[in-house]
Amino acid sequence: METSTKEKSFSCEECGATFSYKTNYKRHLQTHTGVKPYRCELCGSSFSYNYRLKLHIQIHNGVKPHPCLVCGSAFSTKKVLELHVRTHTGEKPYSCETCGSTFSYNSNYKRHVRMHSGEKPYSCDVCGSTFSYDSNFKKHMKTHSGDKPYACKMCPSQFSDPTNFKRHVRTHTGEKTYSCELCGSSFLRNDHLKSHMRKHSGDRPHACELCESSFPTKSHLKRHMYTHTGERPHSCQVCNSSFSTRSVLKVHMRTHTGEKPFSCDVCGSAFSDRANLKRHMLTHGGEKRFSCEVCGCLFLTNDYLKSHMRKHSGERRFSCEVCCSAFVTKLHLKRHMKTHTLKTQLLNQI
């Protein structure tokens, strides 16, 4: 039996694809131009092809004519059913040539490949930031729109992203759902647990290109880089002091507000940051583990020991910007600065 084949006379100049029929050729061109003339009147979604709009309409109508023979779940299209069946069969037809990872879905495979290639196809027209994943791009765009539909009922905080909102709520409830199997420490977020696990493994994958230092997290590396650049991008709007990280600025602001959210359960003393509370707790029976090799004095913390060692070395790190006097500790500098303040007050009274 003879079969006739129609010549593919319509060729796409963009990608080289060829078509026998002009209608198919025109339909294909829309994939390059981004034109989506078929719009859903119910939700506003638009589509390149009419048949995709019809499939979409079934979602609104609740029509799911394709049932799964294994679990009974029903789906609006045969294609979605075929993808679902892979959850039962374990089929993973998409394999990464770089690391060998396999995936059930092409979309997950493409996302994974970008980890190796570094490709960031999603670009922000406002600030130029680029992203590997559409979900991250959409989250970022909300930072420009100012849209924050997720409001905390316990404080005035608002969030554009539901994940960040849920994380925030845990800071009020104290819920720590991520637990370390080695030491029992628990964390609010999974990424905090992963960073913590590197303390056990000793893994420091983030290396500084300027010196030999390496760090367990990218944020630690970023903070470290400021020591090379001297950059202090976070400024205090009250006194114009600047800081390398937002967290240090936040602690600094408490010197203006007087806020002391960290309190001692033993004596009730309150502190502006957690590190000072930890130091204080050592005074309630903490062992003096840090010893001076020069004179044998013992100290509760390594910071106290370092300050003490300057007495032996003669190092005076803290300088007065008014008269150039130098001091061993920041506390001594603060005391000294009061002498300038007092002189200024007396001169103003004359």
Protein backbone atom coordinates (compact mmCIF):
# COMPACT_ATOMS: atom_id res chain seq x y z
CA MET A 1 0.00 0.00 0.00
CA GLU A 2 1.44 3.35 -1.00
CA THR A 3 1.43 6.33 1.34
CA SER A 4 1.88 9.94 0.29
CA THR A 5 3.85 12.39 2.35
CA LYS A 6 3.27 16.13 2.13
CA GLU A 7 6.41 18.23 1.73
CA LYS A 8 7.33 20.34 4.79
CA SER A 9 7.52 23.70 3.04
CA PHE A 10 7.17 25.98 6.11
CA SER A 11 10.44 26.50 8.00
CA CYS A 12 10.98 28.48 11.25
CA GLU A 13 13.86 30.95 10.95
CA GLU A 14 14.34 30.96 14.74
CA CYS A 15 14.92 27.27 15.44
CA GLY A 16 14.80 25.50 12.06
CA ALA A 17 11.65 23.47 12.76
CA THR A 18 9.67 22.58 9.61
CA PHE A 19 5.93 22.14 9.08
CA SER A 20 3.64 20.75 6.38
CA TYR A 21 0.73 23.04 7.18
CA LYS A 22 0.68 26.82 7.49
CA THR A 23 -1.65 26.72 10.53
CA ASN A 24 0.82 24.55 12.47
CA TYR A 25 3.67 26.84 11.38
CA LYS A 26 1.86 29.97 12.63
CA ARG A 27 0.96 28.24 15.87
CA HIS A 28 4.63 27.32 16.38
CA LEU A 29 5.79 30.93 15.83
CA GLN A 30 3.80 31.99 18.88
CA THR A 31 6.19 29.97 21.06
CA HIS A 32 8.96 32.42 20.03
CA THR A 33 6.98 35.67 20.10
CA GLY A 34 5.28 34.95 23.42
CA VAL A 35 1.87 35.85 21.96
CA LYS A 36 -0.95 34.17 23.90
CA PRO A 37 -4.23 35.17 22.25
CA TYR A 38 -6.46 32.67 24.07
CA ARG A 39 -7.50 34.09 27.46
CA CYS A 40 -9.49 32.52 30.28
CA GLU A 41 -12.41 34.79 31.28
CA LEU A 42 -12.55 33.24 34.76
CA CYS A 43 -8.97 33.79 36.01
CA GLY A 44 -7.18 35.79 33.30
CA SER A 45 -4.65 33.08 32.35
CA SER A 46 -3.64 33.20 28.70
CA PHE A 47 -2.47 30.48 26.30
CA SER A 48 -0.77 30.16 22.93
CA TYR A 49 -3.20 27.51 21.67
CA ASN A 50 -6.96 27.16 21.89
CA TYR A 51 -6.80 23.49 22.90
CA ARG A 52 -4.69 24.44 25.95
CA LEU A 53 -7.33 26.98 26.95
CA LYS A 54 -10.00 24.27 26.69
CA LEU A 55 -7.95 21.95 28.90
CA HIS A 56 -7.50 24.79 31.39
CA ILE A 57 -11.25 25.48 31.51
CA GLN A 58 -11.74 21.92 32.80
CA ILE A 59 -9.89 22.93 35.99
CA HIS A 60 -12.58 25.54 36.71
CA ASN A 61 -15.39 23.17 35.79
CA GLY A 62 -13.95 20.43 37.98
CA VAL A 63 -13.94 18.00 35.05
CA LYS A 64 -11.37 15.23 35.58
CA PRO A 65 -12.07 12.51 33.01
CA HIS A 66 -8.75 10.65 33.43
CA PRO A 67 -8.66 8.41 36.55
CA CYS A 68 -5.60 6.62 37.95
CA LEU A 69 -6.20 2.84 38.01
CA VAL A 70 -3.83 2.45 40.99
CA CYS A 71 -5.09 4.97 43.56
CA GLY A 72 -8.29 6.37 42.02
CA SER A 73 -7.06 9.98 41.73
CA ALA A 74 -8.53 11.77 38.73
CA PHE A 75 -6.92 14.34 36.43
CA SER A 76 -8.07 16.91 33.88
CA THR A 77 -5.71 15.74 31.11
CA LYS A 78 -4.17 12.47 30.00
CA LYS A 79 -0.71 14.05 30.13
CA VAL A 80 -1.04 14.94 33.83
CA LEU A 81 -2.27 11.40 34.53
CA GLU A 82 0.82 9.95 32.81
CA LEU A 83 3.07 12.10 35.01
CA HIS A 84 1.14 11.04 38.12
CA VAL A 85 1.51 7.33 37.31
CA ARG A 86 5.29 7.72 37.70
CA THR A 87 4.76 8.25 41.44
CA HIS A 88 3.56 4.63 41.52
CA THR A 89 6.00 3.09 39.04
CA GLY A 90 9.07 5.02 40.24
CA GLU A 91 9.97 5.77 36.63
CA LYS A 92 12.59 8.52 36.28
CA PRO A 93 13.32 8.96 32.57
CA TYR A 94 15.31 12.19 32.88
CA SER A 95 18.97 11.72 33.82
CA CYS A 96 21.62 14.39 34.54
CA GLU A 97 24.75 13.85 32.46
CA THR A 98 26.88 15.71 35.00
CA CYS A 99 26.10 13.93 38.28
CA GLY A 100 23.80 11.05 37.32
CA SER A 101 20.73 12.25 39.28
CA THR A 102 17.44 11.07 37.81
CA PHE A 103 14.04 12.75 37.75
CA SER A 104 10.43 11.81 37.09
CA TYR A 105 9.54 15.14 35.54
CA ASN A 106 11.24 17.20 32.86
CA SER A 107 10.63 20.44 34.77
CA ASN A 108 12.51 19.13 37.83
CA TYR A 109 15.32 17.90 35.58
CA LYS A 110 15.69 21.34 33.93
CA ARG A 111 15.75 23.06 37.34
CA HIS A 112 18.48 20.68 38.48
CA VAL A 113 20.65 21.21 35.39
CA ARG A 114 20.78 24.94 36.15
CA MET A 115 22.61 24.10 39.38
CA HIS A 116 25.50 22.86 37.26
CA SER A 117 25.33 25.38 34.42
CA GLY A 118 24.66 28.46 36.55
CA GLU A 119 22.05 29.55 34.01
CA LYS A 120 19.69 32.26 35.29
CA PRO A 121 17.03 32.81 32.61
CA TYR A 122 14.69 34.93 34.75
CA SER A 123 15.69 38.60 34.84
CA CYS A 124 14.18 41.48 36.82
CA ASP A 125 13.43 44.53 34.62
CA VAL A 126 13.56 46.81 37.68
CA CYS A 127 16.97 46.08 39.25
CA GLY A 128 18.60 43.59 36.85
CA SER A 129 18.79 40.69 39.33
CA THR A 130 18.71 37.27 37.67
CA PHE A 131 17.32 33.97 38.93
CA SER A 132 17.57 30.29 38.06
CA TYR A 133 13.99 29.48 39.04
CA ASP A 134 10.67 31.08 38.22
CA SER A 135 9.48 30.73 41.85
CA ASN A 136 12.45 32.75 43.18
CA PHE A 137 11.92 35.36 40.47
CA LYS A 138 8.25 35.79 41.45
CA LYS A 139 9.20 36.15 45.12
CA HIS A 140 11.76 38.80 44.20
CA MET A 141 9.28 40.83 42.14
CA LYS A 142 7.10 41.24 45.22
CA THR A 143 9.94 43.18 46.87
CA HIS A 144 9.45 45.87 44.21
CA SER A 145 5.65 45.88 44.22
CA GLY A 146 5.53 46.22 48.01
CA ASP A 147 2.67 43.70 48.12
CA LYS A 148 2.71 41.96 51.54
CA PRO A 149 -0.54 40.01 51.93
CA TYR A 150 0.68 37.85 54.84
CA ALA A 151 0.30 39.75 58.13
CA CYS A 152 1.45 38.49 61.53
CA LYS A 153 -1.30 38.57 64.19
CA MET A 154 1.25 38.84 67.02
CA CYS A 155 3.28 41.82 65.75
CA PRO A 156 3.10 44.42 62.94
CA SER A 157 5.34 42.39 60.58
CA GLN A 158 4.04 41.68 57.05
CA PHE A 159 5.42 39.36 54.39
CA SER A 160 5.17 38.94 50.63
CA ASP A 161 6.02 35.23 50.74
CA PRO A 162 4.08 32.54 52.71
CA THR A 163 7.26 30.58 53.50
CA ASN A 164 8.91 33.58 55.16
CA PHE A 165 5.65 34.30 56.98
CA LYS A 166 5.54 30.77 58.45
CA ARG A 167 9.18 31.05 59.53
CA HIS A 168 8.41 34.32 61.25
CA VAL A 169 5.43 32.91 63.15
CA ARG A 170 7.75 30.28 64.64
CA THR A 171 9.81 33.06 66.23
CA HIS A 172 6.71 33.82 68.33
CA THR A 173 5.62 30.25 69.04
CA GLY A 174 9.16 28.98 69.66
CA GLU A 175 8.43 25.94 67.50
CA LYS A 176 11.65 24.33 66.29
CA THR A 177 10.71 21.51 63.94
CA TYR A 178 14.21 20.70 62.64
CA SER A 179 16.30 18.62 65.03
CA CYS A 180 19.95 17.48 64.91
CA GLU A 181 20.23 13.70 65.33
CA LEU A 182 23.79 13.99 66.69
CA CYS A 183 23.44 16.48 69.56
CA GLY A 184 19.69 17.14 69.86
CA SER A 185 19.84 20.84 68.98
CA SER A 186 16.67 22.06 67.29
CA PHE A 187 16.14 24.86 64.78
CA LEU A 188 13.39 27.02 63.32
CA ARG A 189 14.53 26.46 59.74
CA ASN A 190 15.92 23.55 57.73
CA ASP A 191 18.76 25.66 56.30
CA HIS A 192 19.84 26.51 59.86
CA LEU A 193 19.98 22.78 60.65
CA LYS A 194 22.07 22.14 57.53
CA SER A 195 24.50 24.88 58.56
CA HIS A 196 24.66 23.40 62.06
CA MET A 197 25.45 19.92 60.73
CA ARG A 198 28.64 21.31 59.20
CA LYS A 199 29.91 21.94 62.74
CA HIS A 200 29.83 18.17 63.24
CA SER A 201 31.22 17.29 59.81
CA GLY A 202 33.77 20.13 59.70
CA ASP A 203 32.63 20.88 56.15
CA ARG A 204 33.49 24.45 55.05
CA PRO A 205 32.54 24.61 51.37
CA HIS A 206 32.61 28.41 51.01
CA ALA A 207 36.20 29.61 50.52
CA CYS A 208 37.51 33.19 50.39
CA GLU A 209 39.36 33.96 47.14
CA LEU A 210 41.52 36.61 48.84
CA CYS A 211 42.82 34.58 51.79
CA GLU A 212 42.77 30.94 52.89
CA SER A 213 39.72 31.26 55.15
CA SER A 214 36.72 29.01 54.52
CA PHE A 215 33.24 29.02 56.02
CA PRO A 216 30.30 26.65 56.57
CA THR A 217 27.74 29.00 54.99
CA LYS A 218 27.59 31.55 52.19
CA SER A 219 26.36 34.22 54.63
CA HIS A 220 29.45 33.74 56.82
CA LEU A 221 31.67 34.13 53.76
CA LYS A 222 29.81 37.29 52.74
CA ARG A 223 30.38 38.79 56.21
CA HIS A 224 34.04 37.84 56.04
CA MET A 225 34.49 39.57 52.68
CA TYR A 226 33.64 42.90 54.32
CA THR A 227 36.88 42.57 56.32
CA HIS A 228 38.75 42.79 53.00
CA THR A 229 36.64 45.49 51.34
CA GLY A 230 35.92 47.54 54.48
CA GLU A 231 32.36 47.87 53.23
CA ARG A 232 29.68 48.75 55.81
CA PRO A 233 26.42 48.94 53.87
CA HIS A 234 24.04 49.05 56.86
CA SER A 235 23.73 52.52 58.42
CA CYS A 236 22.07 53.67 61.64
CA GLN A 237 19.57 56.46 60.94
CA VAL A 238 19.96 57.81 64.49
CA CYS A 239 23.73 58.31 64.83
CA ASN A 240 25.04 57.50 61.30
CA SER A 241 27.19 54.59 62.51
CA SER A 242 27.59 51.94 59.81
CA PHE A 243 27.89 48.17 60.06
CA SER A 244 28.87 45.28 57.83
CA THR A 245 25.74 43.20 58.53
CA ARG A 246 22.06 43.89 59.18
CA SER A 247 22.12 41.73 62.33
CA VAL A 248 24.87 43.86 63.93
CA LEU A 249 22.91 47.02 63.03
CA LYS A 250 19.83 45.50 64.69
CA VAL A 251 21.76 44.91 67.93
CA HIS A 252 23.22 48.43 67.72
CA MET A 253 19.75 49.98 67.44
CA ARG A 254 18.99 48.63 70.91
CA THR A 255 21.54 51.08 72.33
CA HIS A 256 19.16 53.83 71.16
CA THR A 257 15.86 52.15 72.03
CA GLY A 258 17.06 50.63 75.32
CA GLU A 259 15.53 47.31 74.32
CA LYS A 260 16.98 44.30 76.19
CA PRO A 261 15.09 41.20 75.01
CA PHE A 262 17.48 38.60 76.51
CA SER A 263 16.99 38.08 80.25
CA CYS A 264 18.73 35.86 82.82
CA ASP A 265 16.47 33.22 84.40
CA VAL A 266 18.62 33.23 87.56
CA CYS A 267 18.86 36.91 88.55
CA GLY A 268 16.66 38.73 86.04
CA SER A 269 19.44 40.80 84.44
CA ALA A 270 18.57 41.81 80.88
CA PHE A 271 20.83 42.21 77.84
CA SER A 272 20.61 43.69 74.38
CA ASP A 273 22.11 40.64 72.62
CA ARG A 274 22.32 36.89 73.19
CA ALA A 275 26.13 36.80 73.34
CA ASN A 276 26.18 39.10 76.39
CA LEU A 277 23.56 36.94 78.09
CA LYS A 278 25.70 33.84 77.50
CA ARG A 279 28.73 35.59 79.00
CA HIS A 280 26.64 36.67 81.98
CA MET A 281 25.34 33.13 82.59
CA LEU A 282 28.93 32.02 83.20
CA THR A 283 29.02 34.26 86.29
CA HIS A 284 26.40 31.99 87.87
CA GLY A 285 28.78 29.09 88.41
CA GLY A 286 30.58 29.02 85.09
CA GLU A 287 34.06 27.49 85.05
CA LYS A 288 36.99 29.80 84.26
CA ARG A 289 38.43 27.73 81.43
CA PHE A 290 40.53 30.37 79.67
CA SER A 291 44.01 30.74 81.13
CA CYS A 292 46.69 33.42 80.52
CA GLU A 293 50.00 31.78 79.59
CA VAL A 294 51.93 34.80 80.88
CA CYS A 295 50.60 35.27 84.43
CA GLY A 296 48.20 32.36 84.93
CA CYS A 297 45.03 34.43 85.43
CA LEU A 298 41.81 32.60 84.61
CA PHE A 299 38.82 34.00 82.71
CA LEU A 300 35.23 33.00 82.04
CA THR A 301 35.34 33.80 78.33
CA ASN A 302 37.90 33.90 75.55
CA ASP A 303 37.02 37.58 74.93
CA TYR A 304 37.99 38.46 78.49
CA LEU A 305 41.28 36.60 78.04
CA LYS A 306 42.01 38.46 74.78
CA SER A 307 41.39 41.83 76.48
CA HIS A 308 43.69 40.79 79.34
CA MET A 309 46.48 39.73 76.95
CA ARG A 310 46.64 43.30 75.60
CA LYS A 311 47.88 44.40 79.01
CA HIS A 312 50.91 42.19 78.46
CA SER A 313 51.42 43.07 74.79
CA GLY A 314 50.76 46.79 75.22
CA GLU A 315 48.36 46.74 72.26
CA ARG A 316 45.84 49.59 72.34
CA ARG A 317 43.28 48.93 69.61
CA PHE A 318 40.65 51.49 70.59
CA SER A 319 41.55 55.07 69.64
CA CYS A 320 39.83 58.36 70.53
CA GLU A 321 38.92 60.36 67.43
CA VAL A 322 39.03 63.62 69.42
CA CYS A 323 42.50 63.55 71.01
CA CYS A 324 44.13 60.38 69.59
CA SER A 325 44.48 58.66 72.99
CA ALA A 326 44.45 54.87 72.70
CA PHE A 327 43.06 52.24 75.05
CA VAL A 328 43.26 48.50 75.67
CA THR A 329 39.50 47.90 75.79
CA LYS A 330 36.38 49.49 74.32
CA LEU A 331 35.07 50.03 77.86
CA HIS A 332 38.11 52.18 78.72
CA LEU A 333 37.57 54.19 75.53
CA LYS A 334 33.91 54.80 76.43
CA ARG A 335 34.92 56.06 79.88
CA HIS A 336 37.46 58.37 78.29
CA MET A 337 34.93 59.77 75.79
CA LYS A 338 32.82 61.00 78.72
CA THR A 339 35.65 63.40 79.64
CA HIS A 340 35.23 65.11 76.26
CA THR A 341 31.46 65.24 76.67
CA LEU A 342 31.84 66.81 80.11
CA LYS A 343 34.31 69.43 78.79
CA THR A 344 31.88 70.34 76.00
CA GLN A 345 29.01 70.76 78.47
CA LEU A 346 31.12 73.00 80.74
CA LEU A 347 32.24 75.18 77.79
CA ASN A 348 28.60 75.59 76.70
CA GLN A 349 27.67 76.86 80.17
CA ILE A 350 30.35 79.57 80.10
